[in-house]
Amino acid sequence: MKLTTFTKLGAVGLLALAMGGCSSWDNMSHRQKSTVTGAGIGGVAGAVVTGGGILGTVGGAAIGGVIGDQVGKNR
């Protein structure tokens, strides 16, 4: 699957928007930080495994967020 320039720009834009949403990182609890980190790692892993598929990326982010939340609650 070949990504177009428009797709790449859209992905960069979404990443910038997501990073802007983390501007309140200092006010977040450890569990919330773990959830966000897990979702990010899971999304990247899902995208890699499915070759950039939307469903794999979103599924990976959801699963990673749940795992991060569960790991973060133990601290």
N, C-alpha and C. Protein backbone atom coordinates (compact mmCIF):
# COMPACT_ATOMS: atom_id res chain seq x y z
N MET A 1 0.85 -1.18 0.00
CA MET A 1 0.00 0.00 0.00
C MET A 1 0.89 1.23 0.00
N LYS A 2 0.69 2.06 -0.99
CA LYS A 2 1.50 3.27 -1.10
C LYS A 2 0.71 4.44 -0.51
N LEU A 3 1.37 5.19 0.38
CA LEU A 3 0.72 6.33 1.02
C LEU A 3 0.90 7.56 0.16
N THR A 4 -0.16 8.31 0.00
CA THR A 4 -0.08 9.54 -0.77
C THR A 4 0.42 10.68 0.11
N THR A 5 0.80 11.76 -0.51
CA THR A 5 1.27 12.93 0.23
C THR A 5 0.17 13.45 1.15
N PHE A 6 -1.07 13.42 0.66
CA PHE A 6 -2.20 13.89 1.46
C PHE A 6 -2.37 13.05 2.72
N THR A 7 -2.21 11.75 2.59
CA THR A 7 -2.33 10.85 3.74
C THR A 7 -1.23 11.12 4.76
N LYS A 8 -0.01 11.32 4.26
CA LYS A 8 1.11 11.60 5.15
C LYS A 8 0.90 12.92 5.88
N LEU A 9 0.44 13.93 5.18
CA LEU A 9 0.19 15.23 5.82
C LEU A 9 -0.93 15.13 6.85
N GLY A 10 -1.93 14.33 6.54
CA GLY A 10 -3.02 14.12 7.50
C GLY A 10 -2.54 13.44 8.76
N ALA A 11 -1.66 12.45 8.60
CA ALA A 11 -1.12 11.75 9.76
C ALA A 11 -0.27 12.69 10.62
N VAL A 12 0.53 13.52 9.98
CA VAL A 12 1.35 14.49 10.72
C VAL A 12 0.45 15.49 11.45
N GLY A 13 -0.61 15.93 10.79
CA GLY A 13 -1.55 16.87 11.42
C GLY A 13 -2.23 16.27 12.64
N LEU A 14 -2.64 15.01 12.51
CA LEU A 14 -3.28 14.34 13.65
C LEU A 14 -2.30 14.15 14.80
N LEU A 15 -1.06 13.84 14.48
CA LEU A 15 -0.04 13.70 15.51
C LEU A 15 0.18 15.02 16.24
N ALA A 16 0.24 16.11 15.48
CA ALA A 16 0.42 17.43 16.10
C ALA A 16 -0.76 17.78 17.00
N LEU A 17 -1.96 17.45 16.55
CA LEU A 17 -3.15 17.71 17.35
C LEU A 17 -3.14 16.89 18.64
N ALA A 18 -2.74 15.63 18.53
CA ALA A 18 -2.67 14.77 19.70
C ALA A 18 -1.62 15.26 20.69
N MET A 19 -0.49 15.69 20.19
CA MET A 19 0.56 16.21 21.08
C MET A 19 0.11 17.50 21.76
N GLY A 20 -0.65 18.32 21.06
CA GLY A 20 -1.19 19.53 21.68
C GLY A 20 -2.16 19.21 22.81
N GLY A 21 -2.86 18.09 22.68
CA GLY A 21 -3.77 17.66 23.72
C GLY A 21 -3.06 17.21 24.98
N CYS A 22 -1.79 16.89 24.85
CA CYS A 22 -0.99 16.46 26.01
C CYS A 22 -0.28 17.63 26.67
N SER A 23 -0.69 18.84 26.35
CA SER A 23 -0.03 20.01 26.94
C SER A 23 -0.27 20.11 28.44
N SER A 24 -1.25 19.40 28.94
CA SER A 24 -1.52 19.41 30.38
C SER A 24 -0.91 18.17 31.05
N TRP A 25 0.17 17.65 30.48
CA TRP A 25 0.83 16.44 30.97
C TRP A 25 1.18 16.55 32.45
N ASP A 26 1.60 17.75 32.90
CA ASP A 26 2.02 17.92 34.30
C ASP A 26 0.85 17.75 35.28
N ASN A 27 -0.36 18.00 34.81
CA ASN A 27 -1.53 17.90 35.69
C ASN A 27 -2.16 16.52 35.70
N MET A 28 -1.58 15.59 34.95
CA MET A 28 -2.16 14.26 34.84
C MET A 28 -1.60 13.34 35.94
N SER A 29 -2.44 12.40 36.36
CA SER A 29 -1.98 11.40 37.33
C SER A 29 -1.09 10.38 36.62
N HIS A 30 -0.42 9.56 37.40
CA HIS A 30 0.44 8.54 36.82
C HIS A 30 -0.38 7.56 35.97
N ARG A 31 -1.57 7.24 36.42
CA ARG A 31 -2.42 6.31 35.68
C ARG A 31 -2.83 6.90 34.34
N GLN A 32 -3.15 8.18 34.31
CA GLN A 32 -3.53 8.83 33.05
C GLN A 32 -2.35 8.88 32.08
N LYS A 33 -1.17 9.17 32.60
CA LYS A 33 0.03 9.18 31.75
C LYS A 33 0.30 7.80 31.18
N SER A 34 0.11 6.77 31.98
CA SER A 34 0.32 5.40 31.52
C SER A 34 -0.69 5.04 30.42
N THR A 35 -1.92 5.50 30.57
CA THR A 35 -2.95 5.23 29.58
C THR A 35 -2.61 5.88 28.25
N VAL A 36 -2.20 7.14 28.28
CA VAL A 36 -1.84 7.86 27.06
C VAL A 36 -0.63 7.22 26.39
N THR A 37 0.36 6.87 27.17
CA THR A 37 1.56 6.24 26.62
C THR A 37 1.23 4.88 26.01
N GLY A 38 0.43 4.10 26.70
CA GLY A 38 0.02 2.79 26.19
C GLY A 38 -0.77 2.90 24.89
N ALA A 39 -1.64 3.89 24.82
CA ALA A 39 -2.43 4.09 23.60
C ALA A 39 -1.53 4.48 22.43
N GLY A 40 -0.55 5.32 22.70
CA GLY A 40 0.38 5.73 21.64
C GLY A 40 1.20 4.56 21.13
N ILE A 41 1.76 3.78 22.04
CA ILE A 41 2.57 2.63 21.65
C ILE A 41 1.71 1.58 20.96
N GLY A 42 0.52 1.36 21.48
CA GLY A 42 -0.38 0.38 20.87
C GLY A 42 -0.83 0.80 19.48
N GLY A 43 -1.07 2.08 19.29
CA GLY A 43 -1.45 2.58 17.96
C GLY A 43 -0.35 2.38 16.95
N VAL A 44 0.87 2.68 17.34
CA VAL A 44 2.01 2.49 16.44
C VAL A 44 2.20 1.00 16.14
N ALA A 45 2.12 0.17 17.16
CA ALA A 45 2.27 -1.28 16.96
C ALA A 45 1.17 -1.83 16.05
N GLY A 46 -0.06 -1.38 16.27
CA GLY A 46 -1.16 -1.83 15.41
C GLY A 46 -0.98 -1.40 13.97
N ALA A 47 -0.47 -0.20 13.77
CA ALA A 47 -0.23 0.28 12.41
C ALA A 47 0.87 -0.53 11.73
N VAL A 48 1.91 -0.87 12.47
CA VAL A 48 3.01 -1.64 11.90
C VAL A 48 2.54 -3.05 11.53
N VAL A 49 1.81 -3.68 12.43
CA VAL A 49 1.37 -5.06 12.21
C VAL A 49 0.41 -5.15 11.02
N THR A 50 -0.48 -4.18 10.86
CA THR A 50 -1.48 -4.23 9.79
C THR A 50 -1.05 -3.47 8.54
N GLY A 51 0.16 -2.99 8.51
CA GLY A 51 0.63 -2.26 7.33
C GLY A 51 -0.03 -0.91 7.16
N GLY A 52 -0.36 -0.26 8.24
CA GLY A 52 -0.97 1.07 8.20
C GLY A 52 -2.49 1.06 8.14
N GLY A 53 -3.10 -0.08 8.41
CA GLY A 53 -4.55 -0.19 8.38
C GLY A 53 -5.20 0.61 9.50
N ILE A 54 -6.29 1.28 9.17
CA ILE A 54 -6.99 2.12 10.15
C ILE A 54 -7.50 1.28 11.33
N LEU A 55 -8.13 0.16 11.01
CA LEU A 55 -8.69 -0.67 12.07
C LEU A 55 -7.60 -1.21 13.00
N GLY A 56 -6.48 -1.60 12.45
CA GLY A 56 -5.38 -2.09 13.27
C GLY A 56 -4.79 -1.01 14.15
N THR A 57 -4.70 0.20 13.61
CA THR A 57 -4.16 1.33 14.38
C THR A 57 -5.09 1.69 15.53
N VAL A 58 -6.36 1.81 15.24
CA VAL A 58 -7.33 2.17 16.29
C VAL A 58 -7.46 1.05 17.31
N GLY A 59 -7.49 -0.19 16.83
CA GLY A 59 -7.56 -1.33 17.75
C GLY A 59 -6.34 -1.42 18.64
N GLY A 60 -5.17 -1.20 18.06
CA GLY A 60 -3.94 -1.21 18.84
C GLY A 60 -3.92 -0.12 19.88
N ALA A 61 -4.41 1.07 19.51
CA ALA A 61 -4.46 2.18 20.46
C ALA A 61 -5.42 1.87 21.61
N ALA A 62 -6.55 1.27 21.28
CA ALA A 62 -7.53 0.94 22.32
C ALA A 62 -6.97 -0.11 23.28
N ILE A 63 -6.39 -1.14 22.72
CA ILE A 63 -5.84 -2.21 23.56
C ILE A 63 -4.66 -1.69 24.38
N GLY A 64 -3.79 -0.89 23.74
CA GLY A 64 -2.66 -0.31 24.46
C GLY A 64 -3.10 0.62 25.57
N GLY A 65 -4.17 1.38 25.34
CA GLY A 65 -4.69 2.27 26.38
C GLY A 65 -5.20 1.50 27.59
N VAL A 66 -5.89 0.42 27.33
CA VAL A 66 -6.40 -0.42 28.42
C VAL A 66 -5.25 -1.04 29.21
N ILE A 67 -4.25 -1.55 28.49
CA ILE A 67 -3.10 -2.14 29.17
C ILE A 67 -2.35 -1.07 29.99
N GLY A 68 -2.15 0.10 29.39
CA GLY A 68 -1.48 1.18 30.11
C GLY A 68 -2.25 1.61 31.35
N ASP A 69 -3.57 1.64 31.25
CA ASP A 69 -4.41 2.00 32.39
C ASP A 69 -4.25 0.98 33.52
N GLN A 70 -4.24 -0.28 33.17
CA GLN A 70 -4.13 -1.33 34.18
C GLN A 70 -2.73 -1.33 34.83
N VAL A 71 -1.71 -1.08 34.03
CA VAL A 71 -0.35 -1.01 34.58
C VAL A 71 -0.21 0.21 35.48
N GLY A 72 -0.80 1.32 35.07
CA GLY A 72 -0.68 2.57 35.83
C GLY A 72 -1.42 2.58 37.15
N LYS A 73 -2.45 1.74 37.30
CA LYS A 73 -3.21 1.74 38.55
C LYS A 73 -2.46 1.06 39.68
N ASN A 74 -1.43 0.28 39.35
CA ASN A 74 -0.68 -0.44 40.37
C ASN A 74 0.39 0.42 41.02
N ARG A 75 0.55 1.64 40.59
CA ARG A 75 1.58 2.52 41.18
C ARG A 75 0.98 3.43 42.17
